[in-house]
Amino acid sequence: PRPGWQRFWAHAGHEVRRGSVSLQPIAENIWLQHFPLSVLGTQHGRNVTIIRLSSGKVVVHSMAPFTADDVEGIRALGPTEWLVEAMLLHDTYAREGRAVFPGVSFLGPPGFEPVVGFPVSPLSPAPDEWAGELLVFPLEGAPKLEEQVMLHVPSRTLIVADLVFNFDPHEKGWDRFFHRYLAGFKRYPGMSRIFRLFVKDKDRFLQSLRPIIAADFDRLVVGHGTLIETGAKQKLVEALRDAGFAVD
């Protein structure tokens, strides 16, 4: 089990509006669902990415409080073959997701299985059936996070968990105060102060970032916040530089 403060941060104050969430097509064979999520009174939201491979099989990236209608909508896209959580602190809805997709292979980062208490297969290396379509880039140097970044090659879409967030730059009140002064976001997209503190080996972290930045992507799906439709590579480079991780 994780230390109490980590569990608190991952789960504190999360509030969810029940009800089905529409699937938003963002490119061919890739869809986005945005679920409400409140953390310590701030509006974080939670994004779920659904990818259909050329085989017709479906990958669901990030779990959420799926309703029966949500599950039906995802299953209508094709046979759901893999459920993915790409970071250790992203276990909030892992059990719920597994429960509504029984028998589906669950993939996660190293150390995820002891956290959730059910069988989890490695996300990296990626399944052979993903070859040429979905790539996985493990982030190193932050062993308590073990985030795994994914790239949907056909749509040039990068998918992250908490590497960067992309909230409303015009947010006000508690959201703005918390995100700017406590979480330490300088601009959006941006890396949180908490994520930066988890990076224990800067050189390894930078080395693992470089193949991601070298990859061919233009769109970025963040785990929390708004989709970046275009120009995502430069925005990600700037966010990393802001956080002290210059990769260019």
Protein backbone atom coordinates (compact mmCIF):
# COMPACT_ATOMS: atom_id res chain seq x y z
CA PRO A 1 0.00 0.00 0.00
CA ARG A 2 1.11 3.56 -0.69
CA PRO A 3 1.96 5.97 2.11
CA GLY A 4 -1.09 7.74 3.47
CA TRP A 5 -0.30 11.14 1.95
CA GLN A 6 0.00 9.62 -1.53
CA ARG A 7 -3.36 7.90 -1.17
CA PHE A 8 -4.81 11.18 0.09
CA TRP A 9 -3.51 13.12 -2.89
CA ALA A 10 -4.75 10.52 -5.36
CA HIS A 11 -8.23 10.25 -3.91
CA ALA A 12 -8.92 13.32 -1.77
CA GLY A 13 -12.26 14.92 -2.34
CA HIS A 14 -12.94 13.28 -5.68
CA GLU A 15 -16.53 13.88 -6.69
CA VAL A 16 -18.12 12.45 -9.82
CA ARG A 17 -21.34 13.22 -11.63
CA ARG A 18 -22.93 9.95 -12.59
CA GLY A 19 -24.46 9.60 -16.02
CA SER A 20 -23.22 8.51 -19.42
CA VAL A 21 -20.52 10.60 -21.10
CA SER A 22 -20.53 11.01 -24.87
CA LEU A 23 -17.70 9.67 -27.01
CA GLN A 24 -15.92 12.49 -28.86
CA PRO A 25 -14.15 11.40 -32.06
CA ILE A 26 -10.83 13.25 -32.30
CA ALA A 27 -9.35 11.41 -35.29
CA GLU A 28 -9.94 8.21 -37.21
CA ASN A 29 -10.22 5.28 -34.77
CA ILE A 30 -9.60 7.35 -31.64
CA TRP A 31 -12.17 8.83 -29.27
CA LEU A 32 -12.13 10.86 -26.05
CA GLN A 33 -14.43 10.83 -23.03
CA HIS A 34 -14.21 13.56 -20.40
CA PHE A 35 -15.46 12.77 -16.88
CA PRO A 36 -15.85 15.29 -14.05
CA LEU A 37 -13.35 14.92 -11.23
CA SER A 38 -12.83 17.26 -8.29
CA VAL A 39 -9.63 17.07 -6.24
CA LEU A 40 -9.40 19.16 -3.06
CA GLY A 41 -12.17 21.35 -4.40
CA THR A 42 -10.51 22.02 -7.76
CA GLN A 43 -11.90 20.89 -11.08
CA HIS A 44 -9.41 18.45 -12.62
CA GLY A 45 -11.59 16.32 -14.86
CA ARG A 46 -10.44 12.91 -16.10
CA ASN A 47 -9.95 11.98 -19.73
CA VAL A 48 -10.43 8.50 -21.13
CA THR A 49 -9.00 7.70 -24.56
CA ILE A 50 -10.41 4.85 -26.64
CA ILE A 51 -8.36 3.51 -29.55
CA ARG A 52 -9.51 1.02 -32.16
CA LEU A 53 -6.68 -0.87 -33.84
CA SER A 54 -6.72 -1.95 -37.48
CA SER A 55 -7.68 -5.41 -36.22
CA GLY A 56 -10.89 -3.90 -34.84
CA LYS A 57 -9.84 -4.57 -31.24
CA VAL A 58 -10.24 -1.74 -28.74
CA VAL A 59 -7.88 -0.29 -26.12
CA VAL A 60 -9.31 1.82 -23.27
CA HIS A 61 -6.72 4.18 -21.78
CA SER A 62 -7.57 5.34 -18.22
CA MET A 63 -10.45 4.11 -16.14
CA ALA A 64 -13.43 6.17 -14.98
CA PRO A 65 -16.79 5.71 -13.23
CA PHE A 66 -18.29 4.15 -16.37
CA THR A 67 -22.07 3.79 -16.51
CA ALA A 68 -23.79 0.95 -18.35
CA ASP A 69 -24.36 3.34 -21.26
CA ASP A 70 -20.66 4.26 -21.31
CA VAL A 71 -19.70 0.59 -21.46
CA GLU A 72 -22.24 -0.07 -24.20
CA GLY A 73 -20.89 2.86 -26.23
CA ILE A 74 -17.31 1.63 -25.94
CA ARG A 75 -18.23 -1.95 -26.75
CA ALA A 76 -20.07 -0.74 -29.86
CA LEU A 77 -16.71 0.37 -31.29
CA GLY A 78 -15.35 -3.17 -31.32
CA PRO A 79 -14.27 -5.94 -28.96
CA THR A 80 -12.64 -4.41 -25.87
CA GLU A 81 -9.36 -6.29 -25.49
CA TRP A 82 -7.19 -4.13 -23.21
CA LEU A 83 -7.72 -1.75 -20.29
CA VAL A 84 -4.81 0.58 -19.48
CA GLU A 85 -3.69 2.66 -16.55
CA ALA A 86 -0.41 4.35 -17.34
CA MET A 87 0.81 5.61 -13.96
CA LEU A 88 1.01 4.35 -10.38
CA LEU A 89 -1.14 7.14 -8.89
CA HIS A 90 -3.89 6.57 -11.45
CA ASP A 91 -5.61 3.75 -9.57
CA THR A 92 -8.67 5.78 -8.46
CA TYR A 93 -11.09 4.00 -10.82
CA ALA A 94 -9.04 0.93 -11.72
CA ARG A 95 -11.24 -1.49 -9.79
CA GLU A 96 -14.42 0.09 -11.15
CA GLY A 97 -13.12 -0.18 -14.70
CA ARG A 98 -12.13 -3.80 -14.28
CA ALA A 99 -15.52 -4.60 -12.78
CA VAL A 100 -17.52 -3.29 -15.76
CA PHE A 101 -15.18 -4.89 -18.31
CA PRO A 102 -14.80 -8.36 -16.76
CA GLY A 103 -12.27 -10.68 -18.32
CA VAL A 104 -10.50 -7.93 -20.25
CA SER A 105 -6.70 -7.84 -19.97
CA PHE A 106 -5.56 -5.02 -17.67
CA LEU A 107 -2.19 -3.40 -18.42
CA GLY A 108 -0.24 -1.08 -16.14
CA PRO A 109 3.19 0.18 -15.10
CA PRO A 110 5.59 -1.70 -12.82
CA GLY A 111 4.21 -1.93 -9.29
CA PHE A 112 0.57 -1.34 -10.24
CA GLU A 113 -0.64 -4.83 -9.35
CA PRO A 114 0.15 -4.57 -5.60
CA VAL A 115 -1.64 -1.21 -5.45
CA VAL A 116 -4.91 -2.44 -6.98
CA GLY A 117 -4.83 -6.03 -5.73
CA PHE A 118 -5.74 -7.79 -8.98
CA PRO A 119 -3.68 -9.21 -11.89
CA VAL A 120 -2.03 -6.57 -14.08
CA SER A 121 0.08 -7.32 -17.15
CA PRO A 122 3.02 -5.11 -18.14
CA LEU A 123 2.19 -2.14 -20.37
CA SER A 124 5.80 -2.04 -21.53
CA PRO A 125 6.81 -3.73 -23.72
CA ALA A 126 3.54 -3.19 -25.54
CA PRO A 127 1.50 -6.17 -26.78
CA ASP A 128 2.65 -7.51 -30.14
CA GLU A 129 -0.77 -6.77 -31.63
CA TRP A 130 -0.13 -3.05 -31.14
CA ALA A 131 2.95 -3.05 -33.38
CA GLY A 132 3.07 -0.06 -35.71
CA GLU A 133 -0.06 1.49 -34.23
CA LEU A 134 0.42 2.07 -30.51
CA LEU A 135 3.85 2.75 -29.04
CA VAL A 136 4.71 2.92 -25.32
CA PHE A 137 7.47 5.14 -23.89
CA PRO A 138 8.27 4.49 -20.21
CA LEU A 139 9.33 7.58 -18.28
CA GLU A 140 12.33 6.80 -16.09
CA GLY A 141 13.82 8.53 -13.09
CA ALA A 142 10.51 8.90 -11.20
CA PRO A 143 10.08 5.45 -9.61
CA LYS A 144 7.01 6.32 -7.54
CA LEU A 145 5.15 7.36 -10.70
CA GLU A 146 6.37 5.01 -13.45
CA GLU A 147 4.33 6.91 -16.04
CA GLN A 148 4.12 5.29 -19.47
CA VAL A 149 3.43 7.66 -22.37
CA MET A 150 1.59 6.26 -25.39
CA LEU A 151 1.56 7.29 -29.05
CA HIS A 152 -1.21 6.44 -31.50
CA VAL A 153 0.89 6.42 -34.66
CA PRO A 154 -1.85 6.68 -37.35
CA SER A 155 -3.40 9.82 -35.83
CA ARG A 156 -0.12 11.28 -34.49
CA THR A 157 -1.70 11.52 -31.04
CA LEU A 158 0.39 11.43 -27.86
CA ILE A 159 -1.44 10.29 -24.72
CA VAL A 160 -0.15 11.14 -21.24
CA ALA A 161 -1.41 10.66 -17.69
CA ASP A 162 0.03 13.34 -15.37
CA LEU A 163 3.19 14.38 -17.22
CA VAL A 164 1.47 17.66 -18.06
CA PHE A 165 -1.98 19.10 -17.40
CA ASN A 166 -3.88 21.53 -19.64
CA PHE A 167 -6.45 23.49 -17.67
CA ASP A 168 -8.31 26.66 -18.69
CA PRO A 169 -5.79 29.55 -18.72
CA HIS A 170 -8.62 31.87 -17.68
CA GLU A 171 -9.68 29.85 -14.63
CA LYS A 172 -10.58 31.87 -11.55
CA GLY A 173 -11.01 31.60 -7.80
CA TRP A 174 -9.82 28.52 -5.95
CA ASP A 175 -8.99 26.65 -9.16
CA ARG A 176 -6.58 29.39 -10.23
CA PHE A 177 -5.05 29.83 -6.76
CA PHE A 178 -4.53 26.10 -6.22
CA HIS A 179 -3.16 25.36 -9.66
CA ARG A 180 -0.90 28.41 -9.93
CA TYR A 181 0.39 28.83 -6.38
CA LEU A 182 0.14 25.38 -4.81
CA ALA A 183 0.48 23.02 -7.78
CA GLY A 184 2.98 25.44 -9.36
CA PHE A 185 1.71 25.68 -12.94
CA LYS A 186 3.36 28.58 -14.76
CA ARG A 187 1.19 28.20 -17.85
CA TYR A 188 -0.76 25.52 -19.67
CA PRO A 189 0.06 22.93 -20.65
CA GLY A 190 2.30 22.55 -17.65
CA MET A 191 3.90 20.10 -15.23
CA SER A 192 2.77 20.20 -11.60
CA ARG A 193 5.14 20.89 -8.74
CA ILE A 194 4.18 17.49 -7.31
CA PHE A 195 5.24 15.66 -10.47
CA ARG A 196 8.56 17.54 -10.50
CA LEU A 197 9.22 16.50 -6.90
CA PHE A 198 8.79 12.84 -7.87
CA VAL A 199 11.60 13.06 -10.42
CA LYS A 200 14.59 11.68 -8.50
CA ASP A 201 17.02 11.12 -11.37
CA LYS A 202 16.91 14.09 -13.73
CA ASP A 203 19.36 12.63 -16.24
CA ARG A 204 17.38 9.39 -16.62
CA PHE A 205 14.15 11.35 -16.85
CA LEU A 206 15.53 13.60 -19.59
CA GLN A 207 16.94 10.62 -21.46
CA SER A 208 13.53 8.91 -21.45
CA LEU A 209 11.83 12.11 -22.65
CA ARG A 210 14.00 12.50 -25.73
CA PRO A 211 12.53 9.62 -27.81
CA ILE A 212 9.05 10.96 -27.01
CA ILE A 213 9.91 14.42 -28.30
CA ALA A 214 11.59 12.85 -31.35
CA ALA A 215 8.41 10.92 -32.20
CA ASP A 216 5.94 12.13 -34.81
CA PHE A 217 2.94 13.67 -33.02
CA ASP A 218 0.91 16.84 -33.31
CA ARG A 219 -2.04 16.17 -30.97
CA LEU A 220 -1.84 15.66 -27.20
CA VAL A 221 -4.39 14.03 -24.90
CA VAL A 222 -3.73 14.90 -21.26
CA GLY A 223 -5.09 12.90 -18.36
CA HIS A 224 -6.60 16.05 -16.86
CA GLY A 225 -7.68 19.10 -18.81
CA THR A 226 -8.32 20.02 -22.41
CA LEU A 227 -7.24 18.20 -25.55
CA ILE A 228 -4.48 19.96 -27.53
CA GLU A 229 -5.53 19.51 -31.15
CA THR A 230 -2.43 20.76 -32.94
CA GLY A 231 1.06 22.11 -32.27
CA ALA A 232 1.34 19.80 -29.27
CA LYS A 233 5.03 18.95 -29.67
CA GLN A 234 6.22 22.53 -29.27
CA LYS A 235 3.80 23.12 -26.39
CA LEU A 236 5.06 20.02 -24.61
CA VAL A 237 8.69 21.08 -25.12
CA GLU A 238 7.89 24.50 -23.63
CA ALA A 239 6.07 22.92 -20.66
CA LEU A 240 9.03 20.65 -19.95
CA ARG A 241 11.42 23.59 -20.21
CA ASP A 242 9.29 25.59 -17.76
CA ALA A 243 9.62 22.67 -15.32
CA GLY A 244 13.40 22.56 -15.65
CA PHE A 245 13.62 19.72 -18.17
CA ALA A 246 14.95 21.21 -21.39
CA VAL A 247 14.92 18.54 -24.11
CA ASP A 248 15.54 20.74 -27.17
